[in-house]
Amino acid sequence: MKITNEQAEYLLKLPKKIVGKDKLLDNLTINQEFPFNQRYELVSEKDDEFTFLLEIQQSKKSSIRLSFHHQENDSKTGLLRVDYNSGHKNPEEINEFLPEIFHPYAGKYFATHEHHIHYHIQGYRSLAWAIPLTSDNFEIKEINDDASFNTTFADIIKMFAKTINIETSIQVNILLL
């Protein structure tokens, strides 16, 4: 199934809940350990034709290399991904479906220190296009390897959940080793 930009926007805005033990959760407690790698199934009560996946990955080598990924699960179409400290190269070609905000970044290589956000763009492979977080509304633009890291990581989890419209209330327990 090919998803248009408009369908991707609809799917992002759908209210979703996390599924746990075959039921929709009103609350979820996450124990944040290093490295943190979790996948969560999501369902919308408003439109149960679709299922979704939320995946959070933290590098085993670098605690500040993080990826927050959201996809429509049946088609495996990526809808949104935020990457901290991970490299990426955008396509060179601009098609008629590419929003203008992406145009200056055609062919851009994001170095590992350039945090960026990927969006589904019709006519390209899944999540091929990204823009810098500094050019996006996603509020947490930076992450540092210092004493504030654990709190920032917990805040990003909650911010990403809010961005993809997860209604399940998420509590993050920071486990210090």
C-alpha atoms as a PDB file:
ATOM      1  CA  MET A   1       0.000   0.000   0.000  1.00  0.00           C
ATOM      2  CA  LYS A   2       1.387   3.379  -1.065  1.00  0.00           C
ATOM      3  CA  ILE A   3       0.622   6.164   1.379  1.00  0.00           C
ATOM      4  CA  THR A   4       0.131   9.760   0.234  1.00  0.00           C
ATOM      5  CA  ASN A   5       1.389  12.730   2.236  1.00  0.00           C
ATOM      6  CA  GLU A   6      -2.206  13.460   3.260  1.00  0.00           C
ATOM      7  CA  GLN A   7      -2.753   9.882   4.457  1.00  0.00           C
ATOM      8  CA  ALA A   8       0.528  10.000   6.413  1.00  0.00           C
ATOM      9  CA  GLU A   9      -0.623  13.216   8.108  1.00  0.00           C
ATOM     10  CA  TYR A  10      -3.974  11.592   8.949  1.00  0.00           C
ATOM     11  CA  LEU A  11      -2.207   8.554  10.439  1.00  0.00           C
ATOM     12  CA  LEU A  12       0.140  10.740  12.517  1.00  0.00           C
ATOM     13  CA  LYS A  13      -2.791  12.705  13.923  1.00  0.00           C
ATOM     14  CA  LEU A  14      -4.897   9.655  14.793  1.00  0.00           C
ATOM     15  CA  PRO A  15      -5.143   9.255  18.569  1.00  0.00           C
ATOM     16  CA  LYS A  16      -3.414   6.016  19.575  1.00  0.00           C
ATOM     17  CA  LYS A  17      -2.983   3.866  22.639  1.00  0.00           C
ATOM     18  CA  ILE A  18      -0.210   1.444  23.496  1.00  0.00           C
ATOM     19  CA  VAL A  19      -1.206  -2.213  23.506  1.00  0.00           C
ATOM     20  CA  GLY A  20      -0.076  -4.368  26.434  1.00  0.00           C
ATOM     21  CA  LYS A  21      -1.197  -7.926  27.129  1.00  0.00           C
ATOM     22  CA  ASP A  22      -3.827  -7.651  24.365  1.00  0.00           C
ATOM     23  CA  LYS A  23      -5.524  -4.574  25.807  1.00  0.00           C
ATOM     24  CA  LEU A  24      -5.258  -0.837  25.267  1.00  0.00           C
ATOM     25  CA  LEU A  25      -3.323   0.800  28.077  1.00  0.00           C
ATOM     26  CA  ASP A  26      -4.357   4.046  29.741  1.00  0.00           C
ATOM     27  CA  ASN A  27      -1.002   4.176  31.560  1.00  0.00           C
ATOM     28  CA  LEU A  28       2.470   2.789  30.888  1.00  0.00           C
ATOM     29  CA  THR A  29       5.540   2.874  33.093  1.00  0.00           C
ATOM     30  CA  ILE A  30       8.854   2.626  31.288  1.00  0.00           C
ATOM     31  CA  ASN A  31      11.986   1.658  33.201  1.00  0.00           C
ATOM     32  CA  GLN A  32      14.765   3.483  31.396  1.00  0.00           C
ATOM     33  CA  GLU A  33      17.853   1.285  31.315  1.00  0.00           C
ATOM     34  CA  PHE A  34      20.975   1.464  29.136  1.00  0.00           C
ATOM     35  CA  PRO A  35      20.870   0.525  26.350  1.00  0.00           C
ATOM     36  CA  PHE A  36      17.167   1.165  25.915  1.00  0.00           C
ATOM     37  CA  ASN A  37      15.547  -0.734  23.036  1.00  0.00           C
ATOM     38  CA  GLN A  38      11.793  -1.164  23.065  1.00  0.00           C
ATOM     39  CA  ARG A  39       8.994  -1.708  20.567  1.00  0.00           C
ATOM     40  CA  TYR A  40       5.375  -0.908  21.333  1.00  0.00           C
ATOM     41  CA  GLU A  41       2.294  -1.824  19.333  1.00  0.00           C
ATOM     42  CA  LEU A  42      -0.214   1.016  18.973  1.00  0.00           C
ATOM     43  CA  VAL A  43      -3.883   1.006  17.979  1.00  0.00           C
ATOM     44  CA  SER A  44      -6.377   3.782  17.385  1.00  0.00           C
ATOM     45  CA  GLU A  45      -9.860   3.349  18.774  1.00  0.00           C
ATOM     46  CA  LYS A  46     -11.000   5.993  16.282  1.00  0.00           C
ATOM     47  CA  ASP A  47      -9.834   4.004  13.218  1.00  0.00           C
ATOM     48  CA  ASP A  48      -8.928   0.401  13.988  1.00  0.00           C
ATOM     49  CA  GLU A  49      -8.192  -0.382  10.330  1.00  0.00           C
ATOM     50  CA  PHE A  50      -4.551   0.475  11.079  1.00  0.00           C
ATOM     51  CA  THR A  51      -1.991  -0.748  13.578  1.00  0.00           C
ATOM     52  CA  PHE A  52       1.174   1.130  14.432  1.00  0.00           C
ATOM     53  CA  LEU A  53       4.612   0.588  15.873  1.00  0.00           C
ATOM     54  CA  LEU A  54       6.649   2.839  18.140  1.00  0.00           C
ATOM     55  CA  GLU A  55      10.287   1.840  18.395  1.00  0.00           C
ATOM     56  CA  ILE A  56      12.890   3.507  20.600  1.00  0.00           C
ATOM     57  CA  GLN A  57      16.518   2.528  20.065  1.00  0.00           C
ATOM     58  CA  GLN A  58      19.623   3.563  21.935  1.00  0.00           C
ATOM     59  CA  SER A  59      23.076   2.607  20.705  1.00  0.00           C
ATOM     60  CA  LYS A  60      24.963   0.068  22.821  1.00  0.00           C
ATOM     61  CA  LYS A  61      28.167   2.038  22.170  1.00  0.00           C
ATOM     62  CA  SER A  62      26.923   5.595  22.643  1.00  0.00           C
ATOM     63  CA  SER A  63      24.153   6.441  25.068  1.00  0.00           C
ATOM     64  CA  ILE A  64      23.370   9.668  23.195  1.00  0.00           C
ATOM     65  CA  ARG A  65      22.825   7.989  19.803  1.00  0.00           C
ATOM     66  CA  LEU A  66      19.050   7.657  19.801  1.00  0.00           C
ATOM     67  CA  SER A  67      16.301   6.930  17.318  1.00  0.00           C
ATOM     68  CA  PHE A  68      12.548   7.325  17.869  1.00  0.00           C
ATOM     69  CA  HIS A  69      10.638   5.605  15.044  1.00  0.00           C
ATOM     70  CA  HIS A  70       6.903   5.473  14.259  1.00  0.00           C
ATOM     71  CA  GLN A  71       5.352   3.457  11.450  1.00  0.00           C
ATOM     72  CA  GLU A  72       2.073   2.176  10.125  1.00  0.00           C
ATOM     73  CA  ASN A  73       2.624  -1.467  10.914  1.00  0.00           C
ATOM     74  CA  ASP A  74       0.600  -3.315   8.272  1.00  0.00           C
ATOM     75  CA  SER A  75       2.364  -1.670   5.321  1.00  0.00           C
ATOM     76  CA  LYS A  76       5.626  -1.118   7.269  1.00  0.00           C
ATOM     77  CA  THR A  77       5.522   2.513   6.119  1.00  0.00           C
ATOM     78  CA  GLY A  78       7.564   4.844   8.285  1.00  0.00           C
ATOM     79  CA  LEU A  79       5.633   7.960   9.282  1.00  0.00           C
ATOM     80  CA  LEU A  80       8.081   9.828  11.539  1.00  0.00           C
ATOM     81  CA  ARG A  81      11.547   9.301  13.001  1.00  0.00           C
ATOM     82  CA  VAL A  82      13.729  11.540  15.159  1.00  0.00           C
ATOM     83  CA  ASP A  83      17.459  10.795  15.163  1.00  0.00           C
ATOM     84  CA  TYR A  84      20.030  12.143  17.576  1.00  0.00           C
ATOM     85  CA  ASN A  85      23.713  11.631  16.721  1.00  0.00           C
ATOM     86  CA  SER A  86      23.087   9.535  13.630  1.00  0.00           C
ATOM     87  CA  GLY A  87      24.152  10.316  10.060  1.00  0.00           C
ATOM     88  CA  HIS A  88      21.787  10.453   7.069  1.00  0.00           C
ATOM     89  CA  LYS A  89      21.767  11.555   3.419  1.00  0.00           C
ATOM     90  CA  ASN A  90      18.672  12.971   1.730  1.00  0.00           C
ATOM     91  CA  PRO A  91      17.756  12.133  -1.874  1.00  0.00           C
ATOM     92  CA  GLU A  92      19.098  14.449  -4.589  1.00  0.00           C
ATOM     93  CA  GLU A  93      15.894  14.665  -6.632  1.00  0.00           C
ATOM     94  CA  ILE A  94      12.871  16.778  -5.707  1.00  0.00           C
ATOM     95  CA  ASN A  95       9.468  15.466  -6.793  1.00  0.00           C
ATOM     96  CA  GLU A  96       6.102  17.232  -6.904  1.00  0.00           C
ATOM     97  CA  PHE A  97       5.080  15.809  -3.501  1.00  0.00           C
ATOM     98  CA  LEU A  98       8.060  17.161  -1.547  1.00  0.00           C
ATOM     99  CA  PRO A  99       7.009  20.045   0.747  1.00  0.00           C
ATOM    100  CA  GLU A 100       9.010  23.210   0.188  1.00  0.00           C
ATOM    101  CA  ILE A 101      10.600  23.118   3.652  1.00  0.00           C
ATOM    102  CA  PHE A 102      12.639  20.092   2.458  1.00  0.00           C
ATOM    103  CA  HIS A 103      13.900  21.671  -0.786  1.00  0.00           C
ATOM    104  CA  PRO A 104      17.028  23.350   0.680  1.00  0.00           C
ATOM    105  CA  TYR A 105      18.084  19.958   2.055  1.00  0.00           C
ATOM    106  CA  ALA A 106      18.066  18.025  -1.242  1.00  0.00           C
ATOM    107  CA  GLY A 107      21.201  15.859  -1.287  1.00  0.00           C
ATOM    108  CA  LYS A 108      22.210  17.039   2.185  1.00  0.00           C
ATOM    109  CA  TYR A 109      24.311  14.762   4.312  1.00  0.00           C
ATOM    110  CA  PHE A 110      23.519  15.090   8.016  1.00  0.00           C
ATOM    111  CA  ALA A 111      26.658  14.416  10.039  1.00  0.00           C
ATOM    112  CA  THR A 112      26.244  12.382  13.220  1.00  0.00           C
ATOM    113  CA  HIS A 113      26.085  15.548  15.373  1.00  0.00           C
ATOM    114  CA  GLU A 114      23.286  17.089  13.252  1.00  0.00           C
ATOM    115  CA  HIS A 115      20.064  15.950  14.925  1.00  0.00           C
ATOM    116  CA  HIS A 116      17.239  15.602  12.427  1.00  0.00           C
ATOM    117  CA  ILE A 117      13.651  14.488  11.911  1.00  0.00           C
ATOM    118  CA  HIS A 118      12.385  12.242   9.100  1.00  0.00           C
ATOM    119  CA  TYR A 119       8.940  12.450   7.523  1.00  0.00           C
ATOM    120  CA  HIS A 120       7.087  10.233   5.094  1.00  0.00           C
ATOM    121  CA  ILE A 121       7.164  11.817   1.638  1.00  0.00           C
ATOM    122  CA  GLN A 122       5.057  10.344  -1.139  1.00  0.00           C
ATOM    123  CA  GLY A 123       7.082   8.877  -4.012  1.00  0.00           C
ATOM    124  CA  TYR A 124      10.223   8.129  -1.976  1.00  0.00           C
ATOM    125  CA  ARG A 125      11.365   5.119   0.025  1.00  0.00           C
ATOM    126  CA  SER A 126      10.244   5.073   3.650  1.00  0.00           C
ATOM    127  CA  LEU A 127      11.542   8.043   5.676  1.00  0.00           C
ATOM    128  CA  ALA A 128      14.095   9.000   3.004  1.00  0.00           C
ATOM    129  CA  TRP A 129      13.766  12.729   3.760  1.00  0.00           C
ATOM    130  CA  ALA A 130      14.844  14.615   6.865  1.00  0.00           C
ATOM    131  CA  ILE A 131      15.212  18.198   8.000  1.00  0.00           C
ATOM    132  CA  PRO A 132      17.302  19.494  10.905  1.00  0.00           C
ATOM    133  CA  LEU A 133      15.503  19.553  14.252  1.00  0.00           C
ATOM    134  CA  THR A 134      16.369  23.251  14.366  1.00  0.00           C
ATOM    135  CA  SER A 135      13.998  23.732  11.386  1.00  0.00           C
ATOM    136  CA  ASP A 136      11.143  21.701  12.885  1.00  0.00           C
ATOM    137  CA  ASN A 137       8.540  22.157  15.625  1.00  0.00           C
ATOM    138  CA  PHE A 138       9.834  19.153  17.606  1.00  0.00           C
ATOM    139  CA  GLU A 139      10.810  20.900  20.825  1.00  0.00           C
ATOM    140  CA  ILE A 140      13.871  18.990  22.039  1.00  0.00           C
ATOM    141  CA  LYS A 141      16.611  20.046  19.644  1.00  0.00           C
ATOM    142  CA  GLU A 142      19.715  18.881  21.545  1.00  0.00           C
ATOM    143  CA  ILE A 143      20.843  16.013  23.715  1.00  0.00           C
ATOM    144  CA  ASN A 144      24.073  15.995  25.670  1.00  0.00           C
ATOM    145  CA  ASP A 145      26.152  13.328  27.365  1.00  0.00           C
ATOM    146  CA  ASP A 146      26.058  14.938  30.794  1.00  0.00           C
ATOM    147  CA  ALA A 147      24.145  14.769  34.067  1.00  0.00           C
ATOM    148  CA  SER A 148      20.950  15.956  32.355  1.00  0.00           C
ATOM    149  CA  PHE A 149      20.934  13.121  29.796  1.00  0.00           C
ATOM    150  CA  ASN A 150      18.547  10.749  31.599  1.00  0.00           C
ATOM    151  CA  THR A 151      15.977  13.465  32.214  1.00  0.00           C
ATOM    152  CA  THR A 152      16.255  14.694  28.616  1.00  0.00           C
ATOM    153  CA  PHE A 153      15.855  11.128  27.298  1.00  0.00           C
ATOM    154  CA  ALA A 154      12.686  10.704  29.376  1.00  0.00           C
ATOM    155  CA  ASP A 155      11.407  14.062  28.085  1.00  0.00           C
ATOM    156  CA  ILE A 156      12.073  13.018  24.463  1.00  0.00           C
ATOM    157  CA  ILE A 157      10.080   9.809  24.953  1.00  0.00           C
ATOM    158  CA  LYS A 158       7.124  11.859  26.196  1.00  0.00           C
ATOM    159  CA  MET A 159       7.533  14.533  23.486  1.00  0.00           C
ATOM    160  CA  PHE A 160       7.692  11.938  20.712  1.00  0.00           C
ATOM    161  CA  ALA A 161       4.604  10.192  22.136  1.00  0.00           C
ATOM    162  CA  LYS A 162       2.785  13.529  22.126  1.00  0.00           C
ATOM    163  CA  THR A 163       3.925  14.272  18.553  1.00  0.00           C
ATOM    164  CA  ILE A 164       2.527  10.979  17.223  1.00  0.00           C
ATOM    165  CA  ASN A 165      -0.624  11.447  19.314  1.00  0.00           C
ATOM    166  CA  ILE A 166      -0.315   8.652  21.862  1.00  0.00           C
ATOM    167  CA  GLU A 167      -3.080   8.970  24.455  1.00  0.00           C
ATOM    168  CA  THR A 168      -1.577   6.424  26.848  1.00  0.00           C
ATOM    169  CA  SER A 169      -0.056   8.322  29.790  1.00  0.00           C
ATOM    170  CA  ILE A 170       3.659   7.485  29.958  1.00  0.00           C
ATOM    171  CA  GLN A 171       5.712   7.586  33.142  1.00  0.00           C
ATOM    172  CA  VAL A 172       9.484   7.105  32.821  1.00  0.00           C
ATOM    173  CA  ASN A 173      11.491   5.719  35.728  1.00  0.00           C
ATOM    174  CA  ILE A 174      15.129   6.672  35.375  1.00  0.00           C
ATOM    175  CA  LEU A 175      17.327   3.799  36.503  1.00  0.00           C
ATOM    176  CA  LEU A 176      20.864   4.931  37.208  1.00  0.00           C
ATOM    177  CA  LEU A 177      23.567   2.286  37.061  1.00  0.00           C
END
